[in-house]
Amino acid sequence: MNPLDALPPWVAVLVGVMVLLGAGFTFVGSLGLLRLRDFYKRVHAPTLGTTLGTFFMVAASIAWFSVAQGRPALHVILIGVFLTLTTPITLMLLVRAALYRNRVEDQRQMPPQ
């Protein structure tokens, strides 16, 4: 028996909406990556899109697996926590590396440390 057959329609709709919202936020973040011109502006759009997209994907996974398995599937929260914590840290490391490179190599006027 396929678990899709036993899934109530309201759960399928809820999971579908959350997956589409997550994909939409991630897509908008990717468009921001393409549209923005400066590196310092460009790193914010995918970070915010990824964080919101991850939230909706994790919520959809929790709803799907909780109903399909008949018990709360809270282990998916660990994936969401890991992605939510590592995305801003990666952003900060990329921006600091870019600031260092611009200060040392280009000798442009950059904000003070």
PDB file of N, CA and C in Angstrom:
ATOM      1  N   MET A   1       0.839  -1.181   0.000  1.00  0.00           N
ATOM      2  CA  MET A   1       0.000   0.000   0.000  1.00  0.00           C
ATOM      3  C   MET A   1       0.886   1.248   0.000  1.00  0.00           C
ATOM      4  N   ASN A   2       0.545   2.161  -0.807  1.00  0.00           N
ATOM      5  CA  ASN A   2       1.265   3.408  -0.960  1.00  0.00           C
ATOM      6  C   ASN A   2       0.840   4.382   0.140  1.00  0.00           C
ATOM      7  N   PRO A   3       1.795   5.049   0.826  1.00  0.00           N
ATOM      8  CA  PRO A   3       1.394   6.003   1.871  1.00  0.00           C
ATOM      9  C   PRO A   3       0.599   7.187   1.327  1.00  0.00           C
ATOM     10  N   LEU A   4       0.708   7.457   0.032  1.00  0.00           N
ATOM     11  CA  LEU A   4      -0.069   8.553  -0.552  1.00  0.00           C
ATOM     12  C   LEU A   4      -1.562   8.246  -0.544  1.00  0.00           C
ATOM     13  N   ASP A   5      -1.924   6.971  -0.633  1.00  0.00           N
ATOM     14  CA  ASP A   5      -3.339   6.606  -0.645  1.00  0.00           C
ATOM     15  C   ASP A   5      -4.008   6.882   0.692  1.00  0.00           C
ATOM     16  N   ALA A   6      -3.278   6.726   1.784  1.00  0.00           N
ATOM     17  CA  ALA A   6      -3.848   6.917   3.107  1.00  0.00           C
ATOM     18  C   ALA A   6      -3.749   8.355   3.605  1.00  0.00           C
ATOM     19  N   LEU A   7      -3.144   9.230   2.835  1.00  0.00           N
ATOM     20  CA  LEU A   7      -2.951  10.616   3.263  1.00  0.00           C
ATOM     21  C   LEU A   7      -4.247  11.405   3.100  1.00  0.00           C
ATOM     22  N   PRO A   8      -4.708  12.076   4.158  1.00  0.00           N
ATOM     23  CA  PRO A   8      -5.919  12.906   4.025  1.00  0.00           C
ATOM     24  C   PRO A   8      -5.676  14.058   3.043  1.00  0.00           C
ATOM     25  N   PRO A   9      -6.720  14.451   2.325  1.00  0.00           N
ATOM     26  CA  PRO A   9      -6.551  15.528   1.325  1.00  0.00           C
ATOM     27  C   PRO A   9      -6.095  16.850   1.926  1.00  0.00           C
ATOM     28  N   TRP A  10      -6.543  17.176   3.149  1.00  0.00           N
ATOM     29  CA  TRP A  10      -6.146  18.460   3.731  1.00  0.00           C
ATOM     30  C   TRP A  10      -4.649  18.494   4.008  1.00  0.00           C
ATOM     31  N   VAL A  11      -4.054  17.348   4.343  1.00  0.00           N
ATOM     32  CA  VAL A  11      -2.609  17.301   4.582  1.00  0.00           C
ATOM     33  C   VAL A  11      -1.866  17.461   3.260  1.00  0.00           C
ATOM     34  N   ALA A  12      -2.369  16.829   2.205  1.00  0.00           N
ATOM     35  CA  ALA A  12      -1.729  16.950   0.896  1.00  0.00           C
ATOM     36  C   ALA A  12      -1.745  18.403   0.421  1.00  0.00           C
ATOM     37  N   VAL A  13      -2.860  19.075   0.636  1.00  0.00           N
ATOM     38  CA  VAL A  13      -2.953  20.487   0.231  1.00  0.00           C
ATOM     39  C   VAL A  13      -2.017  21.343   1.078  1.00  0.00           C
ATOM     40  N   LEU A  14      -2.003  21.102   2.387  1.00  0.00           N
ATOM     41  CA  LEU A  14      -1.133  21.868   3.284  1.00  0.00           C
ATOM     42  C   LEU A  14       0.338  21.677   2.924  1.00  0.00           C
ATOM     43  N   VAL A  15       0.729  20.439   2.702  1.00  0.00           N
ATOM     44  CA  VAL A  15       2.122  20.157   2.341  1.00  0.00           C
ATOM     45  C   VAL A  15       2.446  20.774   0.982  1.00  0.00           C
ATOM     46  N   GLY A  16       1.530  20.685   0.037  1.00  0.00           N
ATOM     47  CA  GLY A  16       1.757  21.280  -1.280  1.00  0.00           C
ATOM     48  C   GLY A  16       1.935  22.786  -1.222  1.00  0.00           C
ATOM     49  N   VAL A  17       1.108  23.440  -0.423  1.00  0.00           N
ATOM     50  CA  VAL A  17       1.211  24.907  -0.282  1.00  0.00           C
ATOM     51  C   VAL A  17       2.543  25.287   0.365  1.00  0.00           C
ATOM     52  N   MET A  18       2.931  24.557   1.416  1.00  0.00           N
ATOM     53  CA  MET A  18       4.190  24.883   2.088  1.00  0.00           C
ATOM     54  C   MET A  18       5.400  24.624   1.189  1.00  0.00           C
ATOM     55  N   VAL A  19       5.355  23.559   0.402  1.00  0.00           N
ATOM     56  CA  VAL A  19       6.462  23.290  -0.522  1.00  0.00           C
ATOM     57  C   VAL A  19       6.537  24.379  -1.586  1.00  0.00           C
ATOM     58  N   LEU A  20       5.387  24.807  -2.108  1.00  0.00           N
ATOM     59  CA  LEU A  20       5.396  25.883  -3.107  1.00  0.00           C
ATOM     60  C   LEU A  20       5.881  27.202  -2.511  1.00  0.00           C
ATOM     61  N   LEU A  21       5.487  27.497  -1.273  1.00  0.00           N
ATOM     62  CA  LEU A  21       5.978  28.714  -0.618  1.00  0.00           C
ATOM     63  C   LEU A  21       7.494  28.649  -0.408  1.00  0.00           C
ATOM     64  N   GLY A  22       7.972  27.507   0.055  1.00  0.00           N
ATOM     65  CA  GLY A  22       9.416  27.350   0.252  1.00  0.00           C
ATOM     66  C   GLY A  22      10.188  27.484  -1.048  1.00  0.00           C
ATOM     67  N   ALA A  23       9.676  26.859  -2.098  1.00  0.00           N
ATOM     68  CA  ALA A  23      10.337  26.971  -3.406  1.00  0.00           C
ATOM     69  C   ALA A  23      10.256  28.398  -3.933  1.00  0.00           C
ATOM     70  N   GLY A  24       9.139  29.071  -3.677  1.00  0.00           N
ATOM     71  CA  GLY A  24       8.985  30.458  -4.134  1.00  0.00           C
ATOM     72  C   GLY A  24       9.965  31.399  -3.452  1.00  0.00           C
ATOM     73  N   PHE A  25      10.108  31.276  -2.124  1.00  0.00           N
ATOM     74  CA  PHE A  25      11.066  32.134  -1.418  1.00  0.00           C
ATOM     75  C   PHE A  25      12.491  31.866  -1.872  1.00  0.00           C
ATOM     76  N   THR A  26      12.818  30.607  -2.083  1.00  0.00           N
ATOM     77  CA  THR A  26      14.160  30.281  -2.547  1.00  0.00           C
ATOM     78  C   THR A  26      14.387  30.821  -3.951  1.00  0.00           C
ATOM     79  N   PHE A  27      13.375  30.750  -4.802  1.00  0.00           N
ATOM     80  CA  PHE A  27      13.491  31.279  -6.163  1.00  0.00           C
ATOM     81  C   PHE A  27      13.665  32.799  -6.160  1.00  0.00           C
ATOM     82  N   VAL A  28      12.917  33.489  -5.305  1.00  0.00           N
ATOM     83  CA  VAL A  28      13.059  34.948  -5.215  1.00  0.00           C
ATOM     84  C   VAL A  28      14.460  35.317  -4.729  1.00  0.00           C
ATOM     85  N   GLY A  29      14.991  34.547  -3.774  1.00  0.00           N
ATOM     86  CA  GLY A  29      16.364  34.776  -3.329  1.00  0.00           C
ATOM     87  C   GLY A  29      17.367  34.566  -4.448  1.00  0.00           C
ATOM     88  N   SER A  30      17.123  33.576  -5.284  1.00  0.00           N
ATOM     89  CA  SER A  30      18.014  33.340  -6.421  1.00  0.00           C
ATOM     90  C   SER A  30      17.921  34.464  -7.446  1.00  0.00           C
ATOM     91  N   LEU A  31      16.721  34.988  -7.651  1.00  0.00           N
ATOM     92  CA  LEU A  31      16.580  36.139  -8.553  1.00  0.00           C
ATOM     93  C   LEU A  31      17.313  37.356  -8.001  1.00  0.00           C
ATOM     94  N   GLY A  32      17.266  37.541  -6.690  1.00  0.00           N
ATOM     95  CA  GLY A  32      18.011  38.644  -6.074  1.00  0.00           C
ATOM     96  C   GLY A  32      19.504  38.487  -6.275  1.00  0.00           C
ATOM     97  N   LEU A  33      19.972  37.246  -6.265  1.00  0.00           N
ATOM     98  CA  LEU A  33      21.387  36.987  -6.522  1.00  0.00           C
ATOM     99  C   LEU A  33      21.763  37.428  -7.934  1.00  0.00           C
ATOM    100  N   LEU A  34      20.876  37.216  -8.869  1.00  0.00           N
ATOM    101  CA  LEU A  34      21.159  37.599 -10.255  1.00  0.00           C
ATOM    102  C   LEU A  34      20.968  39.087 -10.505  1.00  0.00           C
ATOM    103  N   ARG A  35      19.984  39.695  -9.852  1.00  0.00           N
ATOM    104  CA  ARG A  35      19.630  41.077 -10.159  1.00  0.00           C
ATOM    105  C   ARG A  35      20.515  42.126  -9.483  1.00  0.00           C
ATOM    106  N   LEU A  36      20.923  41.877  -8.269  1.00  0.00           N
ATOM    107  CA  LEU A  36      21.683  42.885  -7.536  1.00  0.00           C
ATOM    108  C   LEU A  36      23.113  42.962  -8.073  1.00  0.00           C
ATOM    109  N   ARG A  37      23.666  44.164  -8.092  1.00  0.00           N
ATOM    110  CA  ARG A  37      24.941  44.383  -8.764  1.00  0.00           C
ATOM    111  C   ARG A  37      26.151  44.257  -7.832  1.00  0.00           C
ATOM    112  N   ASP A  38      26.061  44.748  -6.633  1.00  0.00           N
ATOM    113  CA  ASP A  38      27.185  44.773  -5.714  1.00  0.00           C
ATOM    114  C   ASP A  38      27.233  43.476  -4.909  1.00  0.00           C
ATOM    115  N   PHE A  39      28.435  42.996  -4.621  1.00  0.00           N
ATOM    116  CA  PHE A  39      28.577  41.746  -3.876  1.00  0.00           C
ATOM    117  C   PHE A  39      27.926  41.837  -2.505  1.00  0.00           C
ATOM    118  N   TYR A  40      28.093  42.964  -1.835  1.00  0.00           N
ATOM    119  CA  TYR A  40      27.587  43.115  -0.475  1.00  0.00           C
ATOM    120  C   TYR A  40      26.061  43.132  -0.437  1.00  0.00           C
ATOM    121  N   LYS A  41      25.432  43.609  -1.488  1.00  0.00           N
ATOM    122  CA  LYS A  41      23.973  43.529  -1.597  1.00  0.00           C
ATOM    123  C   LYS A  41      23.556  42.139  -2.052  1.00  0.00           C
ATOM    124  N   ARG A  42      24.356  41.550  -2.902  1.00  0.00           N
ATOM    125  CA  ARG A  42      24.021  40.276  -3.524  1.00  0.00           C
ATOM    126  C   ARG A  42      23.969  39.117  -2.537  1.00  0.00           C
ATOM    127  N   VAL A  43      24.744  39.155  -1.466  1.00  0.00           N
ATOM    128  CA  VAL A  43      24.772  38.020  -0.548  1.00  0.00           C
ATOM    129  C   VAL A  43      23.536  37.959   0.350  1.00  0.00           C
ATOM    130  N   HIS A  44      22.813  39.063   0.497  1.00  0.00           N
ATOM    131  CA  HIS A  44      21.667  39.061   1.396  1.00  0.00           C
ATOM    132  C   HIS A  44      20.458  38.331   0.824  1.00  0.00           C
ATOM    133  N   ALA A  45      20.187  38.502  -0.450  1.00  0.00           N
ATOM    134  CA  ALA A  45      18.975  37.927  -1.038  1.00  0.00           C
ATOM    135  C   ALA A  45      18.941  36.399  -0.950  1.00  0.00           C
ATOM    136  N   PRO A  46      19.992  35.684  -1.344  1.00  0.00           N
ATOM    137  CA  PRO A  46      19.902  34.226  -1.224  1.00  0.00           C
ATOM    138  C   PRO A  46      19.885  33.752   0.223  1.00  0.00           C
ATOM    139  N   THR A  47      20.518  34.493   1.114  1.00  0.00           N
ATOM    140  CA  THR A  47      20.516  34.089   2.515  1.00  0.00           C
ATOM    141  C   THR A  47      19.111  34.172   3.095  1.00  0.00           C
ATOM    142  N   LEU A  48      18.415  35.263   2.847  1.00  0.00           N
ATOM    143  CA  LEU A  48      17.055  35.402   3.362  1.00  0.00           C
ATOM    144  C   LEU A  48      16.112  34.416   2.678  1.00  0.00           C
ATOM    145  N   GLY A  49      16.265  34.264   1.369  1.00  0.00           N
ATOM    146  CA  GLY A  49      15.424  33.308   0.644  1.00  0.00           C
ATOM    147  C   GLY A  49      15.642  31.879   1.101  1.00  0.00           C
ATOM    148  N   THR A  50      16.883  31.523   1.347  1.00  0.00           N
ATOM    149  CA  THR A  50      17.180  30.172   1.813  1.00  0.00           C
ATOM    150  C   THR A  50      16.610  29.931   3.203  1.00  0.00           C
ATOM    151  N   THR A  51      16.709  30.916   4.084  1.00  0.00           N
ATOM    152  CA  THR A  51      16.201  30.747   5.437  1.00  0.00           C
ATOM    153  C   THR A  51      14.682  30.573   5.440  1.00  0.00           C
ATOM    154  N   LEU A  52      13.972  31.423   4.725  1.00  0.00           N
ATOM    155  CA  LEU A  52      12.515  31.294   4.668  1.00  0.00           C
ATOM    156  C   LEU A  52      12.091  30.040   3.915  1.00  0.00           C
ATOM    157  N   GLY A  53      12.794  29.730   2.833  1.00  0.00           N
ATOM    158  CA  GLY A  53      12.496  28.514   2.088  1.00  0.00           C
ATOM    159  C   GLY A  53      12.721  27.265   2.922  1.00  0.00           C
ATOM    160  N   THR A  54      13.783  27.262   3.709  1.00  0.00           N
ATOM    161  CA  THR A  54      14.064  26.127   4.594  1.00  0.00           C
ATOM    162  C   THR A  54      12.973  25.972   5.638  1.00  0.00           C
ATOM    163  N   PHE A  55      12.500  27.085   6.190  1.00  0.00           N
ATOM    164  CA  PHE A  55      11.435  27.010   7.188  1.00  0.00           C
ATOM    165  C   PHE A  55      10.199  26.324   6.624  1.00  0.00           C
ATOM    166  N   PHE A  56       9.768  26.731   5.438  1.00  0.00           N
ATOM    167  CA  PHE A  56       8.567  26.133   4.860  1.00  0.00           C
ATOM    168  C   PHE A  56       8.791  24.680   4.446  1.00  0.00           C
ATOM    169  N   MET A  57       9.964  24.346   3.945  1.00  0.00           N
ATOM    170  CA  MET A  57      10.249  22.951   3.581  1.00  0.00           C
ATOM    171  C   MET A  57      10.289  22.057   4.816  1.00  0.00           C
ATOM    172  N   VAL A  58      10.860  22.543   5.898  1.00  0.00           N
ATOM    173  CA  VAL A  58      10.903  21.766   7.138  1.00  0.00           C
ATOM    174  C   VAL A  58       9.487  21.580   7.689  1.00  0.00           C
ATOM    175  N   ALA A  59       8.676  22.631   7.643  1.00  0.00           N
ATOM    176  CA  ALA A  59       7.296  22.520   8.118  1.00  0.00           C
ATOM    177  C   ALA A  59       6.512  21.516   7.271  1.00  0.00           C
ATOM    178  N   ALA A  60       6.726  21.527   5.958  1.00  0.00           N
ATOM    179  CA  ALA A  60       6.055  20.562   5.084  1.00  0.00           C
ATOM    180  C   ALA A  60       6.520  19.143   5.386  1.00  0.00           C
ATOM    181  N   SER A  61       7.809  18.961   5.627  1.00  0.00           N
ATOM    182  CA  SER A  61       8.327  17.627   5.950  1.00  0.00           C
ATOM    183  C   SER A  61       7.771  17.120   7.274  1.00  0.00           C
ATOM    184  N   ILE A  62       7.680  17.995   8.257  1.00  0.00           N
ATOM    185  CA  ILE A  62       7.126  17.591   9.554  1.00  0.00           C
ATOM    186  C   ILE A  62       5.671  17.174   9.395  1.00  0.00           C
ATOM    187  N   ALA A  63       4.892  17.951   8.659  1.00  0.00           N
ATOM    188  CA  ALA A  63       3.484  17.606   8.455  1.00  0.00           C
ATOM    189  C   ALA A  63       3.344  16.284   7.703  1.00  0.00           C
ATOM    190  N   TRP A  64       4.106  16.116   6.640  1.00  0.00           N
ATOM    191  CA  TRP A  64       4.019  14.900   5.823  1.00  0.00           C
ATOM    192  C   TRP A  64       4.396  13.657   6.619  1.00  0.00           C
ATOM    193  N   PHE A  65       5.564  13.667   7.232  1.00  0.00           N
ATOM    194  CA  PHE A  65       6.036  12.476   7.924  1.00  0.00           C
ATOM    195  C   PHE A  65       5.261  12.202   9.214  1.00  0.00           C
ATOM    196  N   SER A  66       4.752  13.245   9.860  1.00  0.00           N
ATOM    197  CA  SER A  66       3.946  13.025  11.064  1.00  0.00           C
ATOM    198  C   SER A  66       2.650  12.293  10.724  1.00  0.00           C
ATOM    199  N   VAL A  67       2.013  12.689   9.637  1.00  0.00           N
ATOM    200  CA  VAL A  67       0.772  12.030   9.246  1.00  0.00           C
ATOM    201  C   VAL A  67       1.053  10.653   8.644  1.00  0.00           C
ATOM    202  N   ALA A  68       2.093  10.540   7.821  1.00  0.00           N
ATOM    203  CA  ALA A  68       2.388   9.266   7.158  1.00  0.00           C
ATOM    204  C   ALA A  68       2.848   8.197   8.146  1.00  0.00           C
ATOM    205  N   GLN A  69       3.595   8.588   9.167  1.00  0.00           N
ATOM    206  CA  GLN A  69       4.114   7.612  10.126  1.00  0.00           C
ATOM    207  C   GLN A  69       3.222   7.462  11.355  1.00  0.00           C
ATOM    208  N   GLY A  70       2.280   8.352  11.548  1.00  0.00           N
ATOM    209  CA  GLY A  70       1.381   8.263  12.684  1.00  0.00           C
ATOM    210  C   GLY A  70       1.988   8.716  13.998  1.00  0.00           C
ATOM    211  N   ARG A  71       3.118   9.377  13.959  1.00  0.00           N
ATOM    212  CA  ARG A  71       3.764   9.885  15.161  1.00  0.00           C
ATOM    213  C   ARG A  71       4.477  11.185  14.794  1.00  0.00           C
ATOM    214  N   PRO A  72       4.727  12.051  15.772  1.00  0.00           N
ATOM    215  CA  PRO A  72       5.404  13.319  15.446  1.00  0.00           C
ATOM    216  C   PRO A  72       6.809  13.070  14.906  1.00  0.00           C
ATOM    217  N   ALA A  73       7.115  13.691  13.811  1.00  0.00           N
ATOM    218  CA  ALA A  73       8.435  13.562  13.195  1.00  0.00           C
ATOM    219  C   ALA A  73       9.228  14.826  13.483  1.00  0.00           C
ATOM    220  N   LEU A  74       9.710  14.943  14.684  1.00  0.00           N
ATOM    221  CA  LEU A  74      10.411  16.154  15.095  1.00  0.00           C
ATOM    222  C   LEU A  74      11.898  16.118  14.775  1.00  0.00           C
ATOM    223  N   HIS A  75      12.408  14.975  14.314  1.00  0.00           N
ATOM    224  CA  HIS A  75      13.834  14.903  13.976  1.00  0.00           C
ATOM    225  C   HIS A  75      14.169  15.785  12.775  1.00  0.00           C
ATOM    226  N   VAL A  76      13.170  16.140  11.995  1.00  0.00           N
ATOM    227  CA  VAL A  76      13.400  17.018  10.842  1.00  0.00           C
ATOM    228  C   VAL A  76      13.796  18.415  11.306  1.00  0.00           C
ATOM    229  N   ILE A  77      13.405  18.765  12.518  1.00  0.00           N
ATOM    230  CA  ILE A  77      13.749  20.085  13.059  1.00  0.00           C
ATOM    231  C   ILE A  77      15.262  20.253  13.144  1.00  0.00           C
ATOM    232  N   LEU A  78      15.995  19.169  13.405  1.00  0.00           N
ATOM    233  CA  LEU A  78      17.461  19.252  13.457  1.00  0.00           C
ATOM    234  C   LEU A  78      18.038  19.709  12.122  1.00  0.00           C
ATOM    235  N   ILE A  79      17.472  19.229  11.036  1.00  0.00           N
ATOM    236  CA  ILE A  79      17.936  19.671   9.716  1.00  0.00           C
ATOM    237  C   ILE A  79      17.679  21.165   9.547  1.00  0.00           C
ATOM    238  N   GLY A  80      16.494  21.612   9.929  1.00  0.00           N
ATOM    239  CA  GLY A  80      16.165  23.031   9.825  1.00  0.00           C
ATOM    240  C   GLY A  80      17.042  23.903  10.698  1.00  0.00           C
ATOM    241  N   VAL A  81      17.316  23.450  11.920  1.00  0.00           N
ATOM    242  CA  VAL A  81      18.190  24.215  12.826  1.00  0.00           C
ATOM    243  C   VAL A  81      19.596  24.311  12.246  1.00  0.00           C
ATOM    244  N   PHE A  82      20.101  23.191  11.732  1.00  0.00           N
ATOM    245  CA  PHE A  82      21.444  23.196  11.151  1.00  0.00           C
ATOM    246  C   PHE A  82      21.530  24.160   9.966  1.00  0.00           C
ATOM    247  N   LEU A  83      20.568  24.116   9.071  1.00  0.00           N
ATOM    248  CA  LEU A  83      20.590  25.013   7.911  1.00  0.00           C
ATOM    249  C   LEU A  83      20.366  26.464   8.310  1.00  0.00           C
ATOM    250  N   THR A  84      19.507  26.698   9.291  1.00  0.00           N
ATOM    251  CA  THR A  84      19.245  28.067   9.723  1.00  0.00           C
ATOM    252  C   THR A  84      20.452  28.677  10.426  1.00  0.00           C
ATOM    253  N   LEU A  85      21.230  27.860  11.117  1.00  0.00           N
ATOM    254  CA  LEU A  85      22.416  28.380  11.790  1.00  0.00           C
ATOM    255  C   LEU A  85      23.599  28.552  10.845  1.00  0.00           C
ATOM    256  N   THR A  86      23.761  27.654   9.908  1.00  0.00           N
ATOM    257  CA  THR A  86      24.944  27.723   9.046  1.00  0.00           C
ATOM    258  C   THR A  86      24.822  28.757   7.933  1.00  0.00           C
ATOM    259  N   THR A  87      23.626  29.079   7.491  1.00  0.00           N
ATOM    260  CA  THR A  87      23.483  30.049   6.397  1.00  0.00           C
ATOM    261  C   THR A  87      23.960  31.444   6.801  1.00  0.00           C
ATOM    262  N   PRO A  88      23.540  32.015   7.928  1.00  0.00           N
ATOM    263  CA  PRO A  88      24.059  33.340   8.298  1.00  0.00           C
ATOM    264  C   PRO A  88      25.554  33.331   8.630  1.00  0.00           C
ATOM    265  N   ILE A  89      26.040  32.233   9.182  1.00  0.00           N
ATOM    266  CA  ILE A  89      27.474  32.151   9.485  1.00  0.00           C
ATOM    267  C   ILE A  89      28.277  32.162   8.197  1.00  0.00           C
ATOM    268  N   THR A  90      27.813  31.432   7.204  1.00  0.00           N
ATOM    269  CA  THR A  90      28.480  31.446   5.902  1.00  0.00           C
ATOM    270  C   THR A  90      28.445  32.836   5.291  1.00  0.00           C
ATOM    271  N   LEU A  91      27.315  33.535   5.424  1.00  0.00           N
ATOM    272  CA  LEU A  91      27.202  34.908   4.928  1.00  0.00           C
ATOM    273  C   LEU A  91      28.236  35.808   5.582  1.00  0.00           C
ATOM    274  N   MET A  92      28.356  35.717   6.906  1.00  0.00           N
ATOM    275  CA  MET A  92      29.325  36.576   7.613  1.00  0.00           C
ATOM    276  C   MET A  92      30.756  36.261   7.178  1.00  0.00           C
ATOM    277  N   LEU A  93      31.086  34.991   7.008  1.00  0.00           N
ATOM    278  CA  LEU A  93      32.444  34.636   6.585  1.00  0.00           C
ATOM    279  C   LEU A  93      32.742  35.132   5.176  1.00  0.00           C
ATOM    280  N   LEU A  94      31.777  35.017   4.277  1.00  0.00           N
ATOM    281  CA  LEU A  94      31.978  35.518   2.915  1.00  0.00           C
ATOM    282  C   LEU A  94      32.163  37.032   2.889  1.00  0.00           C
ATOM    283  N   VAL A  95      31.364  37.744   3.657  1.00  0.00           N
ATOM    284  CA  VAL A  95      31.467  39.210   3.669  1.00  0.00           C
ATOM    285  C   VAL A  95      32.776  39.652   4.307  1.00  0.00           C
ATOM    286  N   ARG A  96      33.198  38.989   5.373  1.00  0.00           N
ATOM    287  CA  ARG A  96      34.484  39.356   5.991  1.00  0.00           C
ATOM    288  C   ARG A  96      35.650  39.080   5.061  1.00  0.00           C
ATOM    289  N   ALA A  97      35.590  37.969   4.329  1.00  0.00           N
ATOM    290  CA  ALA A  97      36.660  37.675   3.376  1.00  0.00           C
ATOM    291  C   ALA A  97      36.684  38.714   2.252  1.00  0.00           C
ATOM    292  N   ALA A  98      35.514  39.119   1.789  1.00  0.00           N
ATOM    293  CA  ALA A  98      35.456  40.135   0.739  1.00  0.00           C
ATOM    294  C   ALA A  98      35.946  41.488   1.247  1.00  0.00           C
ATOM    295  N   LEU A  99      35.581  41.853   2.460  1.00  0.00           N
ATOM    296  CA  LEU A  99      36.074  43.112   3.027  1.00  0.00           C
ATOM    297  C   LEU A  99      37.591  43.091   3.173  1.00  0.00           C
ATOM    298  N   TYR A 100      38.107  41.982   3.652  1.00  0.00           N
ATOM    299  CA  TYR A 100      39.566  41.868   3.802  1.00  0.00           C
ATOM    300  C   TYR A 100      40.248  41.994   2.446  1.00  0.00           C
ATOM    301  N   ARG A 101      39.722  41.310   1.456  1.00  0.00           N
ATOM    302  CA  ARG A 101      40.323  41.361   0.126  1.00  0.00           C
ATOM    303  C   ARG A 101      40.253  42.763  -0.460  1.00  0.00           C
ATOM    304  N   ASN A 102      39.136  43.439  -0.268  1.00  0.00           N
ATOM    305  CA  ASN A 102      39.012  44.804  -0.793  1.00  0.00           C
ATOM    306  C   ASN A 102      39.947  45.771  -0.068  1.00  0.00           C
ATOM    307  N   ARG A 103      40.144  45.584   1.222  1.00  0.00           N
ATOM    308  CA  ARG A 103      41.043  46.476   1.964  1.00  0.00           C
ATOM    309  C   ARG A 103      42.499  46.231   1.587  1.00  0.00           C
ATOM    310  N   VAL A 104      42.897  44.974   1.460  1.00  0.00           N
ATOM    311  CA  VAL A 104      44.300  44.649   1.238  1.00  0.00           C
ATOM    312  C   VAL A 104      44.692  44.804  -0.223  1.00  0.00           C
ATOM    313  N   GLU A 105      43.915  44.248  -1.130  1.00  0.00           N
ATOM    314  CA  GLU A 105      44.317  44.220  -2.530  1.00  0.00           C
ATOM    315  C   GLU A 105      43.932  45.475  -3.287  1.00  0.00           C
ATOM    316  N   ASP A 106      42.722  45.951  -3.083  1.00  0.00           N
ATOM    317  CA  ASP A 106      42.243  47.071  -3.896  1.00  0.00           C
ATOM    318  C   ASP A 106      42.560  48.428  -3.302  1.00  0.00           C
ATOM    319  N   GLN A 107      42.809  48.489  -2.007  1.00  0.00           N
ATOM    320  CA  GLN A 107      43.098  49.739  -1.303  1.00  0.00           C
ATOM    321  C   GLN A 107      41.978  50.766  -1.498  1.00  0.00           C
ATOM    322  N   ARG A 108      40.753  50.264  -1.653  1.00  0.00           N
ATOM    323  CA  ARG A 108      39.611  51.183  -1.762  1.00  0.00           C
ATOM    324  C   ARG A 108      39.193  51.636  -0.375  1.00  0.00           C
ATOM    325  N   GLN A 109      38.425  52.707  -0.344  1.00  0.00           N
ATOM    326  CA  GLN A 109      37.885  53.169   0.917  1.00  0.00           C
ATOM    327  C   GLN A 109      36.766  52.242   1.344  1.00  0.00           C
ATOM    328  N   MET A 110      36.985  51.524   2.400  1.00  0.00           N
ATOM    329  CA  MET A 110      35.997  50.585   2.916  1.00  0.00           C
ATOM    330  C   MET A 110      35.618  51.029   4.319  1.00  0.00           C
ATOM    331  N   PRO A 111      34.498  50.546   4.820  1.00  0.00           N
ATOM    332  CA  PRO A 111      34.120  50.907   6.196  1.00  0.00           C
ATOM    333  C   PRO A 111      35.203  50.461   7.173  1.00  0.00           C
ATOM    334  N   PRO A 112      35.397  51.205   8.264  1.00  0.00           N
ATOM    335  CA  PRO A 112      36.432  50.824   9.240  1.00  0.00           C
ATOM    336  C   PRO A 112      36.075  49.510   9.922  1.00  0.00           C
ATOM    337  N   GLN A 113      37.105  48.845  10.447  1.00  0.00           N
ATOM    338  CA  GLN A 113      36.888  47.540  11.099  1.00  0.00           C
ATOM    339  C   GLN A 113      36.219  47.686  12.387  1.00  0.00           C
TER     340      GLN A 113
END
